[in-house]
Amino acid sequence: RAKLFALMALPPTASPDLSGTLNGND
């Protein structure tokens, strides 16, 4: 999560939950 938020340049206080699943469409 820290790596992802660094790429997004989120502030240190921001830590949103992730939505989605690894099951993708065909």
mmCIF file of all heavy atoms, coordinates in Angstrom:
data_MODEL
# 
_entry.id   MODEL 
# 
loop_
_atom_site.group_PDB 
_atom_site.id 
_atom_site.type_symbol 
_atom_site.label_atom_id 
_atom_site.label_alt_id 
_atom_site.label_comp_id 
_atom_site.label_asym_id 
_atom_site.label_entity_id 
_atom_site.label_seq_id 
_atom_site.pdbx_PDB_ins_code 
_atom_site.Cartn_x 
_atom_site.Cartn_y 
_atom_site.Cartn_z 
_atom_site.occupancy 
_atom_site.B_iso_or_equiv 
_atom_site.pdbx_formal_charge 
_atom_site.auth_seq_id 
_atom_site.auth_comp_id 
_atom_site.auth_asym_id 
_atom_site.auth_atom_id 
_atom_site.pdbx_PDB_model_num 
ATOM 1   N N   . ARG A 1 1  ? 0.828   -1.203  0.000   1.00 0.00 ? 1  ARG A N   1 
ATOM 2   C CA  . ARG A 1 1  ? 0.000   0.000   0.000   1.00 0.00 ? 1  ARG A CA  1 
ATOM 3   C C   . ARG A 1 1  ? 0.865   1.257   0.000   1.00 0.00 ? 1  ARG A C   1 
ATOM 4   O O   . ARG A 1 1  ? 0.533   2.242   -0.681  1.00 0.00 ? 1  ARG A O   1 
ATOM 5   C CB  . ARG A 1 1  ? -0.940  -0.013  1.213   1.00 0.00 ? 1  ARG A CB  1 
ATOM 6   C CG  . ARG A 1 1  ? -2.115  -0.966  1.066   1.00 0.00 ? 1  ARG A CG  1 
ATOM 7   C CD  . ARG A 1 1  ? -2.808  -1.177  2.409   1.00 0.00 ? 1  ARG A CD  1 
ATOM 8   N NE  . ARG A 1 1  ? -3.291  0.077   2.960   1.00 0.00 ? 1  ARG A NE  1 
ATOM 9   C CZ  . ARG A 1 1  ? -4.491  0.591   2.713   1.00 0.00 ? 1  ARG A CZ  1 
ATOM 10  N NH1 . ARG A 1 1  ? -5.328  -0.060  1.902   1.00 0.00 ? 1  ARG A NH1 1 
ATOM 11  N NH2 . ARG A 1 1  ? -4.875  1.730   3.256   1.00 0.00 ? 1  ARG A NH2 1 
ATOM 12  N N   . ALA A 1 2  ? 1.952   1.236   0.744   1.00 0.00 ? 2  ALA A N   1 
ATOM 13  C CA  . ALA A 1 2  ? 2.847   2.398   0.774   1.00 0.00 ? 2  ALA A CA  1 
ATOM 14  C C   . ALA A 1 2  ? 3.444   2.672   -0.599  1.00 0.00 ? 2  ALA A C   1 
ATOM 15  O O   . ALA A 1 2  ? 3.561   3.837   -1.023  1.00 0.00 ? 2  ALA A O   1 
ATOM 16  C CB  . ALA A 1 2  ? 3.956   2.178   1.810   1.00 0.00 ? 2  ALA A CB  1 
ATOM 17  N N   . LYS A 1 3  ? 3.807   1.618   -1.313  1.00 0.00 ? 3  LYS A N   1 
ATOM 18  C CA  . LYS A 1 3  ? 4.349   1.790   -2.659  1.00 0.00 ? 3  LYS A CA  1 
ATOM 19  C C   . LYS A 1 3  ? 3.306   2.388   -3.598  1.00 0.00 ? 3  LYS A C   1 
ATOM 20  O O   . LYS A 1 3  ? 3.603   3.297   -4.392  1.00 0.00 ? 3  LYS A O   1 
ATOM 21  C CB  . LYS A 1 3  ? 4.835   0.445   -3.196  1.00 0.00 ? 3  LYS A CB  1 
ATOM 22  C CG  . LYS A 1 3  ? 5.405   0.512   -4.602  1.00 0.00 ? 3  LYS A CG  1 
ATOM 23  C CD  . LYS A 1 3  ? 5.849   -0.859  -5.088  1.00 0.00 ? 3  LYS A CD  1 
ATOM 24  C CE  . LYS A 1 3  ? 6.365   -0.782  -6.524  1.00 0.00 ? 3  LYS A CE  1 
ATOM 25  N NZ  . LYS A 1 3  ? 6.772   -2.126  -7.025  1.00 0.00 ? 3  LYS A NZ  1 
ATOM 26  N N   . LEU A 1 4  ? 2.074   1.895   -3.506  1.00 0.00 ? 4  LEU A N   1 
ATOM 27  C CA  . LEU A 1 4  ? 0.993   2.411   -4.349  1.00 0.00 ? 4  LEU A CA  1 
ATOM 28  C C   . LEU A 1 4  ? 0.710   3.874   -4.031  1.00 0.00 ? 4  LEU A C   1 
ATOM 29  O O   . LEU A 1 4  ? 0.591   4.710   -4.944  1.00 0.00 ? 4  LEU A O   1 
ATOM 30  C CB  . LEU A 1 4  ? -0.269  1.568   -4.137  1.00 0.00 ? 4  LEU A CB  1 
ATOM 31  C CG  . LEU A 1 4  ? -1.549  2.079   -4.817  1.00 0.00 ? 4  LEU A CG  1 
ATOM 32  C CD1 . LEU A 1 4  ? -1.385  2.091   -6.328  1.00 0.00 ? 4  LEU A CD1 1 
ATOM 33  C CD2 . LEU A 1 4  ? -2.747  1.229   -4.409  1.00 0.00 ? 4  LEU A CD2 1 
ATOM 34  N N   . PHE A 1 5  ? 0.612   4.207   -2.759  1.00 0.00 ? 5  PHE A N   1 
ATOM 35  C CA  . PHE A 1 5  ? 0.287   5.577   -2.379  1.00 0.00 ? 5  PHE A CA  1 
ATOM 36  C C   . PHE A 1 5  ? 1.417   6.542   -2.732  1.00 0.00 ? 5  PHE A C   1 
ATOM 37  O O   . PHE A 1 5  ? 1.159   7.721   -2.997  1.00 0.00 ? 5  PHE A O   1 
ATOM 38  C CB  . PHE A 1 5  ? -0.018  5.645   -0.884  1.00 0.00 ? 5  PHE A CB  1 
ATOM 39  C CG  . PHE A 1 5  ? -1.230  4.847   -0.476  1.00 0.00 ? 5  PHE A CG  1 
ATOM 40  C CD1 . PHE A 1 5  ? -1.402  4.412   0.821   1.00 0.00 ? 5  PHE A CD1 1 
ATOM 41  C CD2 . PHE A 1 5  ? -2.203  4.514   -1.425  1.00 0.00 ? 5  PHE A CD2 1 
ATOM 42  C CE1 . PHE A 1 5  ? -2.517  3.673   1.193   1.00 0.00 ? 5  PHE A CE1 1 
ATOM 43  C CE2 . PHE A 1 5  ? -3.325  3.773   -1.068  1.00 0.00 ? 5  PHE A CE2 1 
ATOM 44  C CZ  . PHE A 1 5  ? -3.476  3.347   0.246   1.00 0.00 ? 5  PHE A CZ  1 
ATOM 45  N N   . ALA A 1 6  ? 2.653   6.048   -2.734  1.00 0.00 ? 6  ALA A N   1 
ATOM 46  C CA  . ALA A 1 6  ? 3.774   6.897   -3.149  1.00 0.00 ? 6  ALA A CA  1 
ATOM 47  C C   . ALA A 1 6  ? 3.683   7.237   -4.629  1.00 0.00 ? 6  ALA A C   1 
ATOM 48  O O   . ALA A 1 6  ? 3.951   8.378   -5.035  1.00 0.00 ? 6  ALA A O   1 
ATOM 49  C CB  . ALA A 1 6  ? 5.103   6.199   -2.836  1.00 0.00 ? 6  ALA A CB  1 
ATOM 50  N N   . LEU A 1 7  ? 3.312   6.260   -5.454  1.00 0.00 ? 7  LEU A N   1 
ATOM 51  C CA  . LEU A 1 7  ? 3.123   6.540   -6.880  1.00 0.00 ? 7  LEU A CA  1 
ATOM 52  C C   . LEU A 1 7  ? 1.982   7.515   -7.114  1.00 0.00 ? 7  LEU A C   1 
ATOM 53  O O   . LEU A 1 7  ? 2.023   8.322   -8.047  1.00 0.00 ? 7  LEU A O   1 
ATOM 54  C CB  . LEU A 1 7  ? 2.853   5.228   -7.637  1.00 0.00 ? 7  LEU A CB  1 
ATOM 55  C CG  . LEU A 1 7  ? 4.017   4.245   -7.753  1.00 0.00 ? 7  LEU A CG  1 
ATOM 56  C CD1 . LEU A 1 7  ? 3.543   2.918   -8.341  1.00 0.00 ? 7  LEU A CD1 1 
ATOM 57  C CD2 . LEU A 1 7  ? 5.129   4.825   -8.606  1.00 0.00 ? 7  LEU A CD2 1 
ATOM 58  N N   . MET A 1 8  ? 0.964   7.449   -6.265  1.00 0.00 ? 8  MET A N   1 
ATOM 59  C CA  . MET A 1 8  ? -0.167  8.356   -6.390  1.00 0.00 ? 8  MET A CA  1 
ATOM 60  C C   . MET A 1 8  ? 0.110   9.719   -5.777  1.00 0.00 ? 8  MET A C   1 
ATOM 61  O O   . MET A 1 8  ? -0.685  10.645  -5.937  1.00 0.00 ? 8  MET A O   1 
ATOM 62  C CB  . MET A 1 8  ? -1.402  7.731   -5.724  1.00 0.00 ? 8  MET A CB  1 
ATOM 63  C CG  . MET A 1 8  ? -1.895  6.459   -6.365  1.00 0.00 ? 8  MET A CG  1 
ATOM 64  S SD  . MET A 1 8  ? -3.168  5.653   -5.354  1.00 0.00 ? 8  MET A SD  1 
ATOM 65  C CE  . MET A 1 8  ? -4.379  6.961   -5.232  1.00 0.00 ? 8  MET A CE  1 
ATOM 66  N N   . ALA A 1 9  ? 1.225   9.838   -5.029  1.00 0.00 ? 9  ALA A N   1 
ATOM 67  C CA  . ALA A 1 9  ? 1.586   11.079  -4.337  1.00 0.00 ? 9  ALA A CA  1 
ATOM 68  C C   . ALA A 1 9  ? 0.503   11.501  -3.345  1.00 0.00 ? 9  ALA A C   1 
ATOM 69  O O   . ALA A 1 9  ? 0.174   12.677  -3.212  1.00 0.00 ? 9  ALA A O   1 
ATOM 70  C CB  . ALA A 1 9  ? 1.857   12.209  -5.335  1.00 0.00 ? 9  ALA A CB  1 
ATOM 71  N N   . LEU A 1 10 ? -0.053  10.515  -2.621  1.00 0.00 ? 10 LEU A N   1 
ATOM 72  C CA  . LEU A 1 10 ? -1.030  10.831  -1.591  1.00 0.00 ? 10 LEU A CA  1 
ATOM 73  C C   . LEU A 1 10 ? -0.328  11.381  -0.353  1.00 0.00 ? 10 LEU A C   1 
ATOM 74  O O   . LEU A 1 10 ? 0.820   11.022  -0.074  1.00 0.00 ? 10 LEU A O   1 
ATOM 75  C CB  . LEU A 1 10 ? -1.819  9.574   -1.210  1.00 0.00 ? 10 LEU A CB  1 
ATOM 76  C CG  . LEU A 1 10 ? -2.780  8.996   -2.264  1.00 0.00 ? 10 LEU A CG  1 
ATOM 77  C CD1 . LEU A 1 10 ? -3.528  7.807   -1.677  1.00 0.00 ? 10 LEU A CD1 1 
ATOM 78  C CD2 . LEU A 1 10 ? -3.760  10.051  -2.741  1.00 0.00 ? 10 LEU A CD2 1 
ATOM 79  N N   . PRO A 1 11 ? -0.982  12.245  0.408   1.00 0.00 ? 11 PRO A N   1 
ATOM 80  C CA  . PRO A 1 11 ? -0.375  12.739  1.654   1.00 0.00 ? 11 PRO A CA  1 
ATOM 81  C C   . PRO A 1 11 ? -0.212  11.600  2.656   1.00 0.00 ? 11 PRO A C   1 
ATOM 82  O O   . PRO A 1 11 ? -0.943  10.599  2.598   1.00 0.00 ? 11 PRO A O   1 
ATOM 83  C CB  . PRO A 1 11 ? -1.385  13.787  2.139   1.00 0.00 ? 11 PRO A CB  1 
ATOM 84  C CG  . PRO A 1 11 ? -2.666  13.458  1.458   1.00 0.00 ? 11 PRO A CG  1 
ATOM 85  C CD  . PRO A 1 11 ? -2.290  12.863  0.134   1.00 0.00 ? 11 PRO A CD  1 
ATOM 86  N N   . PRO A 1 12 ? 0.738   11.737  3.598   1.00 0.00 ? 12 PRO A N   1 
ATOM 87  C CA  . PRO A 1 12 ? 0.983   10.633  4.548   1.00 0.00 ? 12 PRO A CA  1 
ATOM 88  C C   . PRO A 1 12 ? -0.229  10.268  5.386   1.00 0.00 ? 12 PRO A C   1 
ATOM 89  O O   . PRO A 1 12 ? -0.352  9.126   5.841   1.00 0.00 ? 12 PRO A O   1 
ATOM 90  C CB  . PRO A 1 12 ? 2.115   11.193  5.432   1.00 0.00 ? 12 PRO A CB  1 
ATOM 91  C CG  . PRO A 1 12 ? 2.776   12.243  4.601   1.00 0.00 ? 12 PRO A CG  1 
ATOM 92  C CD  . PRO A 1 12 ? 1.697   12.840  3.760   1.00 0.00 ? 12 PRO A CD  1 
ATOM 93  N N   . THR A 1 13 ? -1.142  11.230  5.605   1.00 0.00 ? 13 THR A N   1 
ATOM 94  C CA  . THR A 1 13 ? -2.317  10.937  6.424   1.00 0.00 ? 13 THR A CA  1 
ATOM 95  C C   . THR A 1 13 ? -3.398  10.167  5.673   1.00 0.00 ? 13 THR A C   1 
ATOM 96  O O   . THR A 1 13 ? -4.316  9.633   6.297   1.00 0.00 ? 13 THR A O   1 
ATOM 97  C CB  . THR A 1 13 ? -2.917  12.254  6.946   1.00 0.00 ? 13 THR A CB  1 
ATOM 98  O OG1 . THR A 1 13 ? -3.212  13.112  5.827   1.00 0.00 ? 13 THR A OG1 1 
ATOM 99  C CG2 . THR A 1 13 ? -1.939  12.960  7.867   1.00 0.00 ? 13 THR A CG2 1 
ATOM 100 N N   . ALA A 1 14 ? -3.311  10.114  4.356   1.00 0.00 ? 14 ALA A N   1 
ATOM 101 C CA  . ALA A 1 14 ? -4.331  9.428   3.548   1.00 0.00 ? 14 ALA A CA  1 
ATOM 102 C C   . ALA A 1 14 ? -4.003  7.941   3.444   1.00 0.00 ? 14 ALA A C   1 
ATOM 103 O O   . ALA A 1 14 ? -2.876  7.575   3.095   1.00 0.00 ? 14 ALA A O   1 
ATOM 104 C CB  . ALA A 1 14 ? -4.422  10.047  2.161   1.00 0.00 ? 14 ALA A CB  1 
ATOM 105 N N   . SER A 1 15 ? -4.967  7.109   3.759   1.00 0.00 ? 15 SER A N   1 
ATOM 106 C CA  . SER A 1 15 ? -4.791  5.665   3.659   1.00 0.00 ? 15 SER A CA  1 
ATOM 107 C C   . SER A 1 15 ? -6.129  5.011   3.307   1.00 0.00 ? 15 SER A C   1 
ATOM 108 O O   . SER A 1 15 ? -6.733  4.309   4.119   1.00 0.00 ? 15 SER A O   1 
ATOM 109 C CB  . SER A 1 15 ? -4.243  5.100   4.975   1.00 0.00 ? 15 SER A CB  1 
ATOM 110 O OG  . SER A 1 15 ? -4.008  3.714   4.863   1.00 0.00 ? 15 SER A OG  1 
ATOM 111 N N   . PRO A 1 16 ? -6.607  5.233   2.088   1.00 0.00 ? 16 PRO A N   1 
ATOM 112 C CA  . PRO A 1 16 ? -7.921  4.696   1.712   1.00 0.00 ? 16 PRO A CA  1 
ATOM 113 C C   . PRO A 1 16 ? -7.889  3.183   1.540   1.00 0.00 ? 16 PRO A C   1 
ATOM 114 O O   . PRO A 1 16 ? -6.841  2.591   1.252   1.00 0.00 ? 16 PRO A O   1 
ATOM 115 C CB  . PRO A 1 16 ? -8.204  5.401   0.375   1.00 0.00 ? 16 PRO A CB  1 
ATOM 116 C CG  . PRO A 1 16 ? -6.849  5.677   -0.191  1.00 0.00 ? 16 PRO A CG  1 
ATOM 117 C CD  . PRO A 1 16 ? -5.976  5.973   0.986   1.00 0.00 ? 16 PRO A CD  1 
ATOM 118 N N   . ASP A 1 17 ? -9.044  2.587   1.760   1.00 0.00 ? 17 ASP A N   1 
ATOM 119 C CA  . ASP A 1 17 ? -9.190  1.157   1.498   1.00 0.00 ? 17 ASP A CA  1 
ATOM 120 C C   . ASP A 1 17 ? -9.253  0.922   -0.014  1.00 0.00 ? 17 ASP A C   1 
ATOM 121 O O   . ASP A 1 17 ? -9.651  1.798   -0.784  1.00 0.00 ? 17 ASP A O   1 
ATOM 122 C CB  . ASP A 1 17 ? -10.459 0.623   2.161   1.00 0.00 ? 17 ASP A CB  1 
ATOM 123 C CG  . ASP A 1 17 ? -10.383 0.701   3.681   1.00 0.00 ? 17 ASP A CG  1 
ATOM 124 O OD1 . ASP A 1 17 ? -9.268  0.577   4.205   1.00 0.00 ? 17 ASP A OD1 1 
ATOM 125 O OD2 . ASP A 1 17 ? -11.429 0.895   4.327   1.00 0.00 ? 17 ASP A OD2 1 
ATOM 126 N N   . LEU A 1 18 ? -8.869  -0.278  -0.414  1.00 0.00 ? 18 LEU A N   1 
ATOM 127 C CA  . LEU A 1 18 ? -8.867  -0.625  -1.833  1.00 0.00 ? 18 LEU A CA  1 
ATOM 128 C C   . LEU A 1 18 ? -10.128 -1.401  -2.172  1.00 0.00 ? 18 LEU A C   1 
ATOM 129 O O   . LEU A 1 18 ? -10.570 -2.265  -1.408  1.00 0.00 ? 18 LEU A O   1 
ATOM 130 C CB  . LEU A 1 18 ? -7.638  -1.465  -2.185  1.00 0.00 ? 18 LEU A CB  1 
ATOM 131 C CG  . LEU A 1 18 ? -6.271  -0.876  -1.836  1.00 0.00 ? 18 LEU A CG  1 
ATOM 132 C CD1 . LEU A 1 18 ? -5.167  -1.788  -2.345  1.00 0.00 ? 18 LEU A CD1 1 
ATOM 133 C CD2 . LEU A 1 18 ? -6.109  0.519   -2.395  1.00 0.00 ? 18 LEU A CD2 1 
ATOM 134 N N   . SER A 1 19 ? -10.691 -1.065  -3.308  1.00 0.00 ? 19 SER A N   1 
ATOM 135 C CA  . SER A 1 19 ? -11.852 -1.806  -3.797  1.00 0.00 ? 19 SER A CA  1 
ATOM 136 C C   . SER A 1 19 ? -11.448 -2.549  -5.067  1.00 0.00 ? 19 SER A C   1 
ATOM 137 O O   . SER A 1 19 ? -10.581 -2.101  -5.805  1.00 0.00 ? 19 SER A O   1 
ATOM 138 C CB  . SER A 1 19 ? -13.023 -0.857  -4.095  1.00 0.00 ? 19 SER A CB  1 
ATOM 139 O OG  . SER A 1 19 ? -12.709 0.005   -5.172  1.00 0.00 ? 19 SER A OG  1 
ATOM 140 N N   . GLY A 1 20 ? -12.097 -3.646  -5.290  1.00 0.00 ? 20 GLY A N   1 
ATOM 141 C CA  . GLY A 1 20 ? -11.771 -4.422  -6.480  1.00 0.00 ? 20 GLY A CA  1 
ATOM 142 C C   . GLY A 1 20 ? -11.407 -5.841  -6.109  1.00 0.00 ? 20 GLY A C   1 
ATOM 143 O O   . GLY A 1 20 ? -11.355 -6.224  -4.932  1.00 0.00 ? 20 GLY A O   1 
ATOM 144 N N   . THR A 1 21 ? -11.155 -6.629  -7.112  1.00 0.00 ? 21 THR A N   1 
ATOM 145 C CA  . THR A 1 21 ? -10.826 -8.033  -6.912  1.00 0.00 ? 21 THR A CA  1 
ATOM 146 C C   . THR A 1 21 ? -9.817  -8.465  -7.958  1.00 0.00 ? 21 THR A C   1 
ATOM 147 O O   . THR A 1 21 ? -9.673  -7.823  -9.007  1.00 0.00 ? 21 THR A O   1 
ATOM 148 C CB  . THR A 1 21 ? -12.093 -8.903  -7.010  1.00 0.00 ? 21 THR A CB  1 
ATOM 149 O OG1 . THR A 1 21 ? -11.725 -10.277 -6.901  1.00 0.00 ? 21 THR A OG1 1 
ATOM 150 C CG2 . THR A 1 21 ? -12.811 -8.675  -8.327  1.00 0.00 ? 21 THR A CG2 1 
ATOM 151 N N   . LEU A 1 22 ? -9.128  -9.535  -7.647  1.00 0.00 ? 22 LEU A N   1 
ATOM 152 C CA  . LEU A 1 22 ? -8.164  -10.073 -8.612  1.00 0.00 ? 22 LEU A CA  1 
ATOM 153 C C   . LEU A 1 22 ? -8.850  -10.834 -9.735  1.00 0.00 ? 22 LEU A C   1 
ATOM 154 O O   . LEU A 1 22 ? -8.207  -11.148 -10.743 1.00 0.00 ? 22 LEU A O   1 
ATOM 155 C CB  . LEU A 1 22 ? -7.167  -11.002 -7.899  1.00 0.00 ? 22 LEU A CB  1 
ATOM 156 C CG  . LEU A 1 22 ? -6.190  -10.318 -6.939  1.00 0.00 ? 22 LEU A CG  1 
ATOM 157 C CD1 . LEU A 1 22 ? -5.373  -11.359 -6.197  1.00 0.00 ? 22 LEU A CD1 1 
ATOM 158 C CD2 . LEU A 1 22 ? -5.279  -9.361  -7.686  1.00 0.00 ? 22 LEU A CD2 1 
ATOM 159 N N   . ASN A 1 23 ? -10.137 -11.142 -9.579  1.00 0.00 ? 23 ASN A N   1 
ATOM 160 C CA  . ASN A 1 23 ? -10.876 -11.813 -10.647 1.00 0.00 ? 23 ASN A CA  1 
ATOM 161 C C   . ASN A 1 23 ? -11.241 -10.797 -11.709 1.00 0.00 ? 23 ASN A C   1 
ATOM 162 O O   . ASN A 1 23 ? -12.113 -9.956  -11.498 1.00 0.00 ? 23 ASN A O   1 
ATOM 163 C CB  . ASN A 1 23 ? -12.154 -12.453 -10.082 1.00 0.00 ? 23 ASN A CB  1 
ATOM 164 C CG  . ASN A 1 23 ? -11.853 -13.742 -9.342  1.00 0.00 ? 23 ASN A CG  1 
ATOM 165 O OD1 . ASN A 1 23 ? -11.290 -14.673 -9.902  1.00 0.00 ? 23 ASN A OD1 1 
ATOM 166 N ND2 . ASN A 1 23 ? -12.187 -13.780 -8.067  1.00 0.00 ? 23 ASN A ND2 1 
ATOM 167 N N   . GLY A 1 24 ? -10.563 -10.826 -12.833 1.00 0.00 ? 24 GLY A N   1 
ATOM 168 C CA  . GLY A 1 24 ? -10.840 -9.903  -13.919 1.00 0.00 ? 24 GLY A CA  1 
ATOM 169 C C   . GLY A 1 24 ? -11.771 -10.508 -14.946 1.00 0.00 ? 24 GLY A C   1 
ATOM 170 O O   . GLY A 1 24 ? -12.167 -11.679 -14.871 1.00 0.00 ? 24 GLY A O   1 
ATOM 171 N N   . ASN A 1 25 ? -12.142 -9.672  -15.901 1.00 0.00 ? 25 ASN A N   1 
ATOM 172 C CA  . ASN A 1 25 ? -12.994 -10.152 -16.988 1.00 0.00 ? 25 ASN A CA  1 
ATOM 173 C C   . ASN A 1 25 ? -12.206 -11.055 -17.930 1.00 0.00 ? 25 ASN A C   1 
ATOM 174 O O   . ASN A 1 25 ? -10.979 -10.997 -18.007 1.00 0.00 ? 25 ASN A O   1 
ATOM 175 C CB  . ASN A 1 25 ? -13.561 -8.964  -17.774 1.00 0.00 ? 25 ASN A CB  1 
ATOM 176 C CG  . ASN A 1 25 ? -14.439 -8.086  -16.903 1.00 0.00 ? 25 ASN A CG  1 
ATOM 177 O OD1 . ASN A 1 25 ? -15.119 -8.580  -16.005 1.00 0.00 ? 25 ASN A OD1 1 
ATOM 178 N ND2 . ASN A 1 25 ? -14.425 -6.783  -17.174 1.00 0.00 ? 25 ASN A ND2 1 
ATOM 179 N N   . ASP A 1 26 ? -12.937 -11.883 -18.644 1.00 0.00 ? 26 ASP A N   1 
ATOM 180 C CA  . ASP A 1 26 ? -12.293 -12.749 -19.633 1.00 0.00 ? 26 ASP A CA  1 
ATOM 181 C C   . ASP A 1 26 ? -11.683 -11.911 -20.744 1.00 0.00 ? 26 ASP A C   1 
ATOM 182 O O   . ASP A 1 26 ? -12.225 -10.877 -21.153 1.00 0.00 ? 26 ASP A O   1 
ATOM 183 C CB  . ASP A 1 26 ? -13.306 -13.735 -20.220 1.00 0.00 ? 26 ASP A CB  1 
ATOM 184 C CG  . ASP A 1 26 ? -13.783 -14.738 -19.176 1.00 0.00 ? 26 ASP A CG  1 
ATOM 185 O OD1 . ASP A 1 26 ? -13.028 -14.993 -18.216 1.00 0.00 ? 26 ASP A OD1 1 
ATOM 186 O OD2 . ASP A 1 26 ? -14.903 -15.256 -19.325 1.00 0.00 ? 26 ASP A OD2 1 
# 
